[in-house]
Amino acid sequence: MIQNLNETVLQQATQWLIARDTALARVFRQYGYPPLWAREPGFSTLVHIILEQQVSLASANAAFQRLQQQLGVITPSAYLTLDDNILRSIGFSRQKTSYARALAQEILDGHLDLPALATLPDELVGQRLKKLKGIGDWTVDIYLSECLLRPDILPKGDIAMQEAFRVLKGLSERPVHEAFVKQTLHWRPWRSVGSRMLWHFYLCERNGKQQYA
């Protein structure tokens, strides 16, 4: 049976983690429990995550809101009615326009059943999504962690999370992913919650104290 995060599990896992990691205990003492950051699984959210690739969340959110204003309900068929000029004005790059179109077409052709991903183990979800153009490890990991609410995901290449870890651990530079995995093995099986605690710390520090690069 696949376990999913919810508010109760999140709080239980947070307590488990802070008993095992002094850096996460510091986050909890300063800022309390992290948000669940749950998103509705499906095409619309996956497009939103594609928009978030390698840009600020504020920029991605603004583009996604313009897409919502343009379409109302964001469906694969509705997205495919928009031409390049409209999508460019919304905030899609040429690459992201192509990625979202490939995703929409894959769904409409019946080759991708997004609801069915909820029944698959993490590895198979990743294999299925990464067959699509423009969907790599980070996009898959965010979908697994925030949409499917899987408990043990450590998003690969997430700069905010790595920067928070660097600050909390007093490192001279952000860890590469392989080192990051090794240094968080003791978070298993709750790395999705550890990740949320890092994001929580990063956002609280950025909004309240200092801004990190």
Protein backbone atom coordinates (compact mmCIF):
# COMPACT_ATOMS: atom_id res chain seq x y z
CA MET A 1 0.00 0.00 0.00
CA ILE A 2 1.34 3.44 -0.97
CA GLN A 3 1.49 5.86 1.97
CA ASN A 4 0.70 9.51 1.39
CA LEU A 5 1.42 12.60 3.42
CA ASN A 6 -1.35 14.50 5.16
CA GLU A 7 -1.29 17.09 7.94
CA THR A 8 -1.23 14.49 10.71
CA VAL A 9 1.52 12.42 9.11
CA LEU A 10 3.48 15.61 8.38
CA GLN A 11 3.50 16.61 12.03
CA GLN A 12 4.38 13.11 13.22
CA ALA A 13 7.22 12.91 10.71
CA THR A 14 8.47 16.36 11.72
CA GLN A 15 8.76 15.21 15.33
CA TRP A 16 10.58 12.07 14.18
CA LEU A 17 13.04 14.14 12.14
CA ILE A 18 13.83 16.79 14.76
CA ALA A 19 14.75 14.03 17.19
CA ARG A 20 17.39 12.86 14.69
CA ASP A 21 18.73 16.05 13.09
CA THR A 22 19.83 19.12 15.05
CA ALA A 23 19.56 21.40 11.99
CA LEU A 24 15.92 20.46 11.45
CA ALA A 25 15.32 20.84 15.19
CA ARG A 26 16.58 24.41 14.83
CA VAL A 27 14.11 25.04 12.00
CA PHE A 28 11.27 23.73 14.13
CA ARG A 29 12.24 25.84 17.16
CA GLN A 30 12.37 28.98 15.03
CA TYR A 31 9.47 28.49 12.65
CA GLY A 32 7.33 25.52 13.71
CA TYR A 33 5.82 22.94 11.40
CA PRO A 34 6.27 23.36 7.65
CA PRO A 35 3.26 23.67 5.35
CA LEU A 36 2.03 20.51 3.66
CA TRP A 37 2.27 22.22 0.27
CA ALA A 38 -0.22 19.84 -1.31
CA ARG A 39 -1.22 20.46 -4.93
CA GLU A 40 -4.02 18.99 -6.99
CA PRO A 41 -2.57 16.27 -9.24
CA GLY A 42 -3.26 16.54 -12.96
CA PHE A 43 -2.42 18.36 -16.17
CA SER A 44 -2.89 21.89 -14.86
CA THR A 45 -0.49 21.45 -11.96
CA LEU A 46 2.08 19.65 -14.07
CA VAL A 47 2.06 22.61 -16.48
CA HIS A 48 2.54 24.90 -13.47
CA ILE A 49 5.56 22.85 -12.37
CA ILE A 50 6.98 23.05 -15.90
CA LEU A 51 6.63 26.84 -15.68
CA GLU A 52 8.59 26.73 -12.41
CA GLN A 53 11.61 25.06 -14.00
CA GLN A 54 14.71 27.25 -13.52
CA VAL A 55 12.79 30.47 -12.76
CA SER A 56 11.53 32.17 -9.62
CA LEU A 57 8.27 30.93 -8.14
CA ALA A 58 6.86 34.45 -8.41
CA SER A 59 7.52 34.54 -12.15
CA ALA A 60 6.04 31.08 -12.66
CA ASN A 61 2.96 31.92 -10.56
CA ALA A 62 2.35 35.10 -12.55
CA ALA A 63 2.51 33.19 -15.84
CA PHE A 64 0.23 30.48 -14.52
CA GLN A 65 -2.33 33.05 -13.37
CA ARG A 66 -2.31 34.61 -16.85
CA LEU A 67 -2.88 31.14 -18.31
CA GLN A 68 -5.85 30.67 -15.99
CA GLN A 69 -7.26 34.03 -17.01
CA GLN A 70 -6.90 33.07 -20.67
CA LEU A 71 -8.47 29.61 -20.41
CA GLY A 72 -10.48 29.46 -17.21
CA VAL A 73 -10.16 25.70 -16.79
CA ILE A 74 -6.75 24.48 -17.95
CA THR A 75 -7.20 21.25 -19.88
CA PRO A 76 -5.01 19.58 -22.52
CA SER A 77 -7.43 20.38 -25.31
CA ALA A 78 -7.83 24.00 -24.19
CA TYR A 79 -4.07 24.49 -23.93
CA LEU A 80 -3.57 23.24 -27.49
CA THR A 81 -5.88 25.97 -28.83
CA LEU A 82 -3.33 28.66 -27.84
CA ASP A 83 -0.80 29.72 -30.45
CA ASP A 84 2.84 30.63 -29.86
CA ASN A 85 2.19 34.38 -29.66
CA ILE A 86 -0.45 34.03 -26.96
CA LEU A 87 1.69 31.65 -24.97
CA ARG A 88 4.69 33.95 -25.27
CA SER A 89 2.61 36.85 -23.96
CA ILE A 90 1.51 34.66 -21.04
CA GLY A 91 5.11 33.90 -20.14
CA PHE A 92 5.92 30.58 -21.79
CA SER A 93 9.36 30.26 -23.34
CA ARG A 94 9.63 28.42 -26.65
CA GLN A 95 10.88 25.33 -24.82
CA LYS A 96 8.16 25.34 -22.18
CA THR A 97 5.50 25.87 -24.84
CA SER A 98 6.83 22.74 -26.54
CA TYR A 99 7.00 20.75 -23.29
CA ALA A 100 3.41 21.54 -22.30
CA ARG A 101 2.16 20.81 -25.81
CA ALA A 102 3.87 17.42 -25.80
CA LEU A 103 2.31 16.67 -22.42
CA ALA A 104 -1.16 17.74 -23.58
CA GLN A 105 -0.93 15.67 -26.76
CA GLU A 106 0.30 12.61 -24.88
CA ILE A 107 -2.74 12.80 -22.60
CA LEU A 108 -5.22 13.38 -25.44
CA ASP A 109 -3.73 10.49 -27.42
CA GLY A 110 -4.31 8.20 -24.46
CA HIS A 111 -0.64 7.47 -23.92
CA LEU A 112 -0.46 9.06 -20.47
CA ASP A 113 -3.03 8.47 -17.73
CA LEU A 114 -2.13 10.96 -15.00
CA PRO A 115 -4.69 9.67 -12.45
CA ALA A 116 -3.23 6.17 -12.79
CA LEU A 117 0.17 7.44 -11.59
CA ALA A 118 -1.26 7.59 -8.06
CA THR A 119 -1.29 3.78 -8.00
CA LEU A 120 2.33 3.33 -9.10
CA PRO A 121 5.48 3.24 -6.96
CA ASP A 122 7.77 6.28 -7.08
CA GLU A 123 10.27 4.76 -9.49
CA LEU A 124 7.64 3.83 -12.07
CA VAL A 125 6.04 7.27 -11.87
CA GLY A 126 9.43 8.75 -12.64
CA GLN A 127 10.08 6.40 -15.53
CA ARG A 128 6.71 7.18 -17.09
CA LEU A 129 6.92 10.96 -16.79
CA LYS A 130 10.54 11.23 -17.88
CA LYS A 131 9.64 9.70 -21.22
CA LEU A 132 8.05 13.07 -22.00
CA LYS A 133 10.01 15.94 -23.53
CA GLY A 134 11.12 18.50 -20.96
CA ILE A 135 10.24 16.49 -17.86
CA GLY A 136 13.29 15.56 -15.82
CA ASP A 137 14.19 14.61 -12.28
CA TRP A 138 13.21 17.86 -10.56
CA THR A 139 9.78 18.07 -12.21
CA VAL A 140 9.07 14.42 -11.40
CA ASP A 141 10.23 14.83 -7.81
CA ILE A 142 8.04 17.88 -7.21
CA TYR A 143 5.03 16.08 -8.72
CA LEU A 144 5.70 13.04 -6.52
CA SER A 145 6.22 15.10 -3.38
CA GLU A 146 3.53 17.77 -3.69
CA CYS A 147 0.86 16.25 -5.95
CA LEU A 148 1.05 12.55 -5.11
CA LEU A 149 2.24 13.39 -1.56
CA ARG A 150 4.82 10.62 -1.45
CA PRO A 151 6.75 10.72 1.84
CA ASP A 152 10.34 9.99 0.86
CA ILE A 153 11.30 12.30 -2.03
CA LEU A 154 14.42 14.50 -2.09
CA PRO A 155 13.94 16.80 -5.11
CA LYS A 156 17.03 16.74 -7.29
CA GLY A 157 18.62 20.08 -8.09
CA ASP A 158 16.34 22.26 -5.98
CA ILE A 159 18.49 25.34 -5.30
CA ALA A 160 16.38 26.80 -2.49
CA MET A 161 16.48 23.51 -0.61
CA GLN A 162 20.22 23.09 -1.13
CA GLU A 163 20.89 26.66 -0.02
CA ALA A 164 18.87 26.18 3.15
CA PHE A 165 20.82 23.00 3.87
CA ARG A 166 24.11 24.83 3.28
CA VAL A 167 23.19 27.57 5.75
CA LEU A 168 21.85 25.22 8.41
CA LYS A 169 24.85 22.89 8.21
CA GLY A 170 27.41 25.70 7.96
CA LEU A 171 28.80 24.47 4.63
CA SER A 172 31.00 26.61 2.41
CA GLU A 173 29.00 25.73 -0.73
CA ARG A 174 25.78 24.06 -1.74
CA PRO A 175 26.10 20.27 -1.84
CA VAL A 176 25.85 18.43 -5.13
CA HIS A 177 22.91 16.04 -5.19
CA GLU A 178 24.95 12.90 -4.54
CA ALA A 179 26.47 14.41 -1.40
CA PHE A 180 23.08 15.77 -0.37
CA VAL A 181 21.55 12.29 -0.60
CA LYS A 182 24.32 10.82 1.58
CA GLN A 183 23.97 13.56 4.18
CA THR A 184 20.21 13.05 4.48
CA LEU A 185 20.03 9.26 4.59
CA HIS A 186 19.00 9.51 8.25
CA TRP A 187 15.87 11.39 7.13
CA ARG A 188 14.49 8.29 5.42
CA PRO A 189 11.63 7.41 5.13
CA TRP A 190 10.54 11.05 5.53
CA ARG A 191 12.76 13.00 3.13
CA SER A 192 9.72 14.78 1.66
CA VAL A 193 9.10 16.24 5.11
CA GLY A 194 12.77 17.12 5.56
CA SER A 195 12.60 18.89 2.20
CA ARG A 196 9.57 20.86 3.33
CA MET A 197 11.40 21.91 6.48
CA LEU A 198 14.26 23.23 4.34
CA TRP A 199 11.86 25.17 2.09
CA HIS A 200 10.08 26.47 5.18
CA PHE A 201 13.37 27.72 6.63
CA TYR A 202 14.45 29.25 3.32
CA LEU A 203 11.20 31.16 2.82
CA CYS A 204 10.94 32.33 6.42
CA GLU A 205 14.54 33.57 6.40
CA ARG A 206 14.18 35.22 3.00
CA ASN A 207 10.95 36.97 3.87
CA GLY A 208 11.89 37.92 7.39
CA LYS A 209 15.65 38.27 7.72
CA GLN A 210 17.88 38.02 4.68
CA GLN A 211 17.74 37.06 1.04
CA TYR A 212 19.85 34.22 -0.25
CA ALA A 213 21.16 33.99 -3.81
